[in-house]
C-alpha cells in the first residue's frame, strides 16, 4: 500500500470529525508523513509535515501490520517499532482511526 492509499483510507476513516481535537502526525521516515488536523472544521488529512500535538514514528510496513490487526500496537511500542512524541493520551485514541 502506498502513502497515497494510506492517506485516502485515513481520510475515509476520519470523515469530517475524527473525535480528537488535536493534530496527529504519522511519520513513516523516508516514505513520508500523514497528518490529521483534528483542530480544523471539517478535519483534514494531508501529507503536509505539520507541527503536531502527537507524532507517531513507525515504519510504513509496521503501520500496515497494525492496521490489518497482525501487529499489536502496544507490542510495537514496547519493542520500539513504534515511537510516540508529544501527547501520549492522543496516541492512545488512535486505534479507532487506524484499526
N, C-alpha and C. Protein backbone atom coordinates (compact mmCIF):
# COMPACT_ATOMS: atom_id res chain seq x y z
N UNK A 1 0.85 -1.17 0.00
CA UNK A 1 0.00 0.00 0.00
C UNK A 1 0.90 1.24 0.00
N UNK A 2 0.52 2.22 -0.78
CA UNK A 2 1.32 3.44 -0.91
C UNK A 2 0.89 4.50 0.11
N UNK A 3 1.68 5.54 0.20
CA UNK A 3 1.35 6.67 1.08
C UNK A 3 0.01 7.28 0.67
N UNK A 4 -0.23 7.38 -0.62
CA UNK A 4 -1.49 7.95 -1.11
C UNK A 4 -2.68 7.09 -0.69
N UNK A 5 -2.52 5.77 -0.74
CA UNK A 5 -3.61 4.88 -0.34
C UNK A 5 -3.86 4.96 1.16
N UNK A 6 -2.80 5.06 1.96
CA UNK A 6 -2.97 5.22 3.41
C UNK A 6 -3.68 6.54 3.69
N UNK A 7 -3.27 7.60 3.01
CA UNK A 7 -3.90 8.91 3.19
C UNK A 7 -5.38 8.85 2.84
N UNK A 8 -5.70 8.19 1.75
CA UNK A 8 -7.10 8.05 1.32
C UNK A 8 -7.92 7.28 2.35
N UNK A 9 -7.38 6.18 2.84
CA UNK A 9 -8.11 5.37 3.83
C UNK A 9 -8.31 6.14 5.14
N UNK A 10 -7.28 6.87 5.57
CA UNK A 10 -7.43 7.67 6.79
C UNK A 10 -8.44 8.79 6.58
N UNK A 11 -8.47 9.37 5.39
CA UNK A 11 -9.46 10.41 5.09
C UNK A 11 -10.87 9.86 5.24
N UNK A 12 -11.10 8.64 4.73
CA UNK A 12 -12.40 7.99 4.88
C UNK A 12 -12.70 7.70 6.34
N UNK A 13 -11.73 7.22 7.07
CA UNK A 13 -11.91 6.87 8.47
C UNK A 13 -12.20 8.10 9.33
N UNK A 14 -11.51 9.19 9.05
CA UNK A 14 -11.67 10.43 9.82
C UNK A 14 -13.01 11.09 9.52
N UNK A 15 -13.40 11.12 8.24
CA UNK A 15 -14.62 11.82 7.86
C UNK A 15 -14.47 13.30 8.16
N UNK A 16 -15.53 13.92 8.65
CA UNK A 16 -15.47 15.35 8.95
C UNK A 16 -15.03 15.62 10.39
N UNK A 17 -15.06 14.57 11.24
CA UNK A 17 -14.68 14.75 12.65
C UNK A 17 -14.10 13.46 13.20
N UNK A 18 -12.79 13.46 13.45
CA UNK A 18 -12.13 12.26 13.97
C UNK A 18 -12.37 12.05 15.46
N UNK A 19 -12.89 13.07 16.13
CA UNK A 19 -13.14 12.95 17.56
C UNK A 19 -11.92 13.25 18.42
N UNK A 20 -10.83 13.65 17.80
CA UNK A 20 -9.60 14.00 18.52
C UNK A 20 -9.24 15.44 18.12
N UNK A 21 -9.50 16.41 18.99
CA UNK A 21 -9.27 17.82 18.63
C UNK A 21 -7.80 18.24 18.72
N UNK A 22 -6.96 17.47 18.10
CA UNK A 22 -5.51 17.71 18.10
C UNK A 22 -4.96 17.45 16.71
N UNK A 23 -3.71 17.83 16.49
CA UNK A 23 -3.03 17.50 15.24
C UNK A 23 -2.15 16.28 15.52
N UNK A 24 -2.36 15.26 14.72
CA UNK A 24 -1.64 14.00 14.85
C UNK A 24 -0.87 13.75 13.56
N UNK A 25 0.37 13.31 13.70
CA UNK A 25 1.18 13.04 12.50
C UNK A 25 1.74 11.62 12.59
N UNK A 26 1.58 10.88 11.50
CA UNK A 26 2.23 9.59 11.34
C UNK A 26 3.46 9.85 10.50
N UNK A 27 4.63 9.60 11.06
CA UNK A 27 5.89 9.83 10.37
C UNK A 27 6.46 8.49 9.94
N UNK A 28 6.46 8.25 8.64
CA UNK A 28 6.95 6.99 8.08
C UNK A 28 8.40 7.12 7.60
N UNK A 29 9.12 8.10 8.11
CA UNK A 29 10.51 8.30 7.71
C UNK A 29 10.60 8.71 6.25
N UNK A 30 11.45 8.02 5.50
CA UNK A 30 11.66 8.35 4.08
C UNK A 30 10.41 8.14 3.23
N UNK A 31 9.44 7.38 3.74
CA UNK A 31 8.21 7.11 2.98
C UNK A 31 7.21 8.26 3.07
N UNK A 32 7.46 9.24 3.95
CA UNK A 32 6.57 10.41 4.03
C UNK A 32 5.80 10.49 5.33
N UNK A 33 4.85 11.41 5.37
CA UNK A 33 4.02 11.63 6.56
C UNK A 33 2.55 11.72 6.17
N UNK A 34 1.71 11.42 7.14
CA UNK A 34 0.28 11.67 7.03
C UNK A 34 -0.11 12.42 8.28
N UNK A 35 -0.71 13.59 8.10
CA UNK A 35 -1.14 14.42 9.22
C UNK A 35 -2.66 14.46 9.26
N UNK A 36 -3.20 14.38 10.48
CA UNK A 36 -4.63 14.52 10.70
C UNK A 36 -4.82 15.78 11.53
N UNK A 37 -5.47 16.77 10.94
CA UNK A 37 -5.72 18.03 11.65
C UNK A 37 -7.12 17.98 12.24
N UNK A 38 -7.18 17.56 13.49
CA UNK A 38 -8.44 17.47 14.20
C UNK A 38 -8.91 18.80 14.76
N UNK A 39 -8.09 19.84 14.60
CA UNK A 39 -8.46 21.18 15.07
C UNK A 39 -9.27 21.93 14.02
N UNK A 40 -9.12 21.56 12.75
CA UNK A 40 -9.84 22.25 11.68
C UNK A 40 -11.26 21.68 11.56
N UNK A 41 -12.15 22.48 11.02
CA UNK A 41 -13.52 22.04 10.78
C UNK A 41 -13.83 22.24 9.33
N UNK A 42 -14.14 21.18 8.56
CA UNK A 42 -14.02 19.77 8.96
C UNK A 42 -12.56 19.37 9.12
N UNK A 43 -12.36 18.24 9.77
CA UNK A 43 -10.99 17.74 9.95
C UNK A 43 -10.37 17.48 8.59
N UNK A 44 -9.03 17.60 8.53
CA UNK A 44 -8.33 17.46 7.26
C UNK A 44 -7.21 16.43 7.41
N UNK A 45 -7.08 15.56 6.43
CA UNK A 45 -5.99 14.59 6.36
C UNK A 45 -5.13 14.99 5.16
N UNK A 46 -3.82 15.08 5.38
CA UNK A 46 -2.93 15.50 4.30
C UNK A 46 -1.56 14.86 4.46
N UNK A 47 -0.70 15.13 3.50
CA UNK A 47 0.68 14.68 3.59
C UNK A 47 1.60 15.84 3.95
N UNK A 48 1.00 16.90 4.51
CA UNK A 48 1.77 18.05 4.97
C UNK A 48 2.49 17.70 6.28
N UNK A 49 3.72 18.13 6.41
CA UNK A 49 4.51 17.86 7.60
C UNK A 49 4.23 18.95 8.63
N UNK A 50 3.08 18.83 9.30
CA UNK A 50 2.62 19.84 10.25
C UNK A 50 3.29 19.69 11.61
N UNK A 51 3.35 20.79 12.37
CA UNK A 51 3.72 20.70 13.78
C UNK A 51 2.56 20.00 14.47
N UNK A 52 2.84 18.92 15.16
CA UNK A 52 1.77 18.08 15.70
C UNK A 52 1.79 18.05 17.22
N UNK A 53 0.60 17.82 17.79
CA UNK A 53 0.49 17.61 19.23
C UNK A 53 1.02 16.23 19.59
N UNK A 54 0.91 15.30 18.65
CA UNK A 54 1.38 13.93 18.84
C UNK A 54 1.93 13.41 17.52
N UNK A 55 3.17 12.94 17.54
CA UNK A 55 3.79 12.35 16.36
C UNK A 55 4.07 10.88 16.63
N UNK A 56 3.58 10.04 15.74
CA UNK A 56 3.81 8.60 15.83
C UNK A 56 4.83 8.25 14.75
N UNK A 57 6.00 7.80 15.18
CA UNK A 57 7.04 7.39 14.24
C UNK A 57 7.01 5.87 14.13
N UNK A 58 6.82 5.41 12.90
CA UNK A 58 6.68 3.98 12.66
C UNK A 58 7.02 3.71 11.19
N UNK A 59 7.61 2.56 10.94
CA UNK A 59 7.84 2.15 9.55
C UNK A 59 6.49 1.88 8.90
N UNK A 60 6.38 2.22 7.63
CA UNK A 60 5.12 2.02 6.93
C UNK A 60 4.68 0.56 6.99
N UNK A 61 5.60 -0.36 6.86
CA UNK A 61 5.25 -1.79 6.90
C UNK A 61 4.65 -2.17 8.26
N UNK A 62 5.20 -1.63 9.35
CA UNK A 62 4.66 -1.91 10.68
C UNK A 62 3.29 -1.26 10.86
N UNK A 63 3.12 -0.06 10.33
CA UNK A 63 1.83 0.61 10.38
C UNK A 63 0.76 -0.23 9.69
N UNK A 64 1.10 -0.76 8.53
CA UNK A 64 0.16 -1.58 7.77
C UNK A 64 -0.19 -2.85 8.53
N UNK A 65 0.80 -3.43 9.21
CA UNK A 65 0.52 -4.63 10.02
C UNK A 65 -0.41 -4.29 11.18
N UNK A 66 -0.22 -3.12 11.79
CA UNK A 66 -1.11 -2.71 12.88
C UNK A 66 -2.52 -2.48 12.34
N UNK A 67 -2.62 -1.83 11.19
CA UNK A 67 -3.93 -1.54 10.60
C UNK A 67 -4.68 -2.82 10.23
N UNK A 68 -3.94 -3.86 9.85
CA UNK A 68 -4.58 -5.12 9.47
C UNK A 68 -4.87 -6.00 10.69
N UNK A 69 -4.32 -5.62 11.85
CA UNK A 69 -4.55 -6.40 13.06
C UNK A 69 -3.51 -7.46 13.32
N UNK A 70 -2.49 -7.58 12.46
CA UNK A 70 -1.49 -8.63 12.67
C UNK A 70 -0.35 -8.18 13.60
N UNK A 71 -0.30 -6.89 13.94
CA UNK A 71 0.69 -6.39 14.89
C UNK A 71 -0.03 -5.57 15.94
N UNK A 72 0.13 -5.98 17.19
CA UNK A 72 -0.49 -5.27 18.30
C UNK A 72 0.25 -3.95 18.53
N UNK A 73 -0.47 -2.80 18.54
CA UNK A 73 0.19 -1.50 18.73
C UNK A 73 0.97 -1.40 20.04
N UNK A 74 0.45 -1.98 21.12
CA UNK A 74 1.16 -1.94 22.40
C UNK A 74 2.46 -2.73 22.31
N UNK A 75 2.44 -3.86 21.64
CA UNK A 75 3.66 -4.66 21.47
C UNK A 75 4.66 -3.90 20.59
N UNK A 76 4.15 -3.25 19.55
CA UNK A 76 5.02 -2.46 18.67
C UNK A 76 5.69 -1.34 19.47
N UNK A 77 4.95 -0.72 20.37
CA UNK A 77 5.51 0.35 21.20
C UNK A 77 6.57 -0.21 22.15
N UNK A 78 6.24 -1.32 22.80
CA UNK A 78 7.17 -1.90 23.78
C UNK A 78 8.45 -2.42 23.14
N UNK A 79 8.38 -2.85 21.88
CA UNK A 79 9.57 -3.38 21.20
C UNK A 79 10.30 -2.31 20.39
N UNK A 80 9.81 -1.07 20.44
CA UNK A 80 10.50 0.03 19.77
C UNK A 80 10.16 0.19 18.30
N UNK A 81 9.20 -0.58 17.79
CA UNK A 81 8.81 -0.43 16.39
C UNK A 81 7.96 0.83 16.18
N UNK A 82 7.35 1.30 17.26
CA UNK A 82 6.50 2.48 17.22
C UNK A 82 6.98 3.42 18.32
N UNK A 83 7.20 4.67 17.98
CA UNK A 83 7.64 5.67 18.95
C UNK A 83 6.66 6.83 18.93
N UNK A 84 6.36 7.35 20.10
CA UNK A 84 5.42 8.46 20.23
C UNK A 84 6.13 9.66 20.80
N UNK A 85 5.97 10.80 20.13
CA UNK A 85 6.50 12.06 20.62
C UNK A 85 5.32 12.98 20.88
N UNK A 86 5.33 13.64 22.03
CA UNK A 86 4.24 14.56 22.35
C UNK A 86 3.22 13.92 23.25
N UNK A 87 1.96 14.26 23.04
CA UNK A 87 0.85 13.88 23.91
C UNK A 87 0.49 12.40 23.76
N UNK A 88 0.92 11.61 24.73
CA UNK A 88 0.67 10.17 24.70
C UNK A 88 -0.82 9.85 24.78
N UNK A 89 -1.60 10.70 25.45
CA UNK A 89 -3.04 10.43 25.56
C UNK A 89 -3.71 10.47 24.18
N UNK A 90 -3.19 11.28 23.28
CA UNK A 90 -3.72 11.33 21.92
C UNK A 90 -3.41 10.01 21.21
N UNK A 91 -2.20 9.52 21.38
CA UNK A 91 -1.80 8.26 20.73
C UNK A 91 -2.71 7.11 21.17
N UNK A 92 -3.15 7.14 22.42
CA UNK A 92 -4.00 6.07 22.94
C UNK A 92 -5.37 6.04 22.26
N UNK A 93 -5.76 7.15 21.63
CA UNK A 93 -7.08 7.24 20.98
C UNK A 93 -7.04 6.88 19.50
N UNK A 94 -5.86 6.61 18.97
CA UNK A 94 -5.71 6.42 17.52
C UNK A 94 -6.22 5.08 17.01
N UNK A 95 -6.40 4.12 17.87
CA UNK A 95 -6.85 2.80 17.43
C UNK A 95 -8.14 2.84 16.66
N UNK A 96 -9.04 3.73 17.05
CA UNK A 96 -10.34 3.81 16.37
C UNK A 96 -10.21 4.34 14.95
N UNK A 97 -9.12 5.06 14.66
CA UNK A 97 -8.91 5.59 13.31
C UNK A 97 -8.12 4.65 12.43
N UNK A 98 -7.17 3.94 13.03
CA UNK A 98 -6.24 3.11 12.26
C UNK A 98 -6.75 1.69 12.10
N UNK A 99 -7.30 1.14 13.18
CA UNK A 99 -7.70 -0.26 13.17
C UNK A 99 -8.91 -0.59 12.37
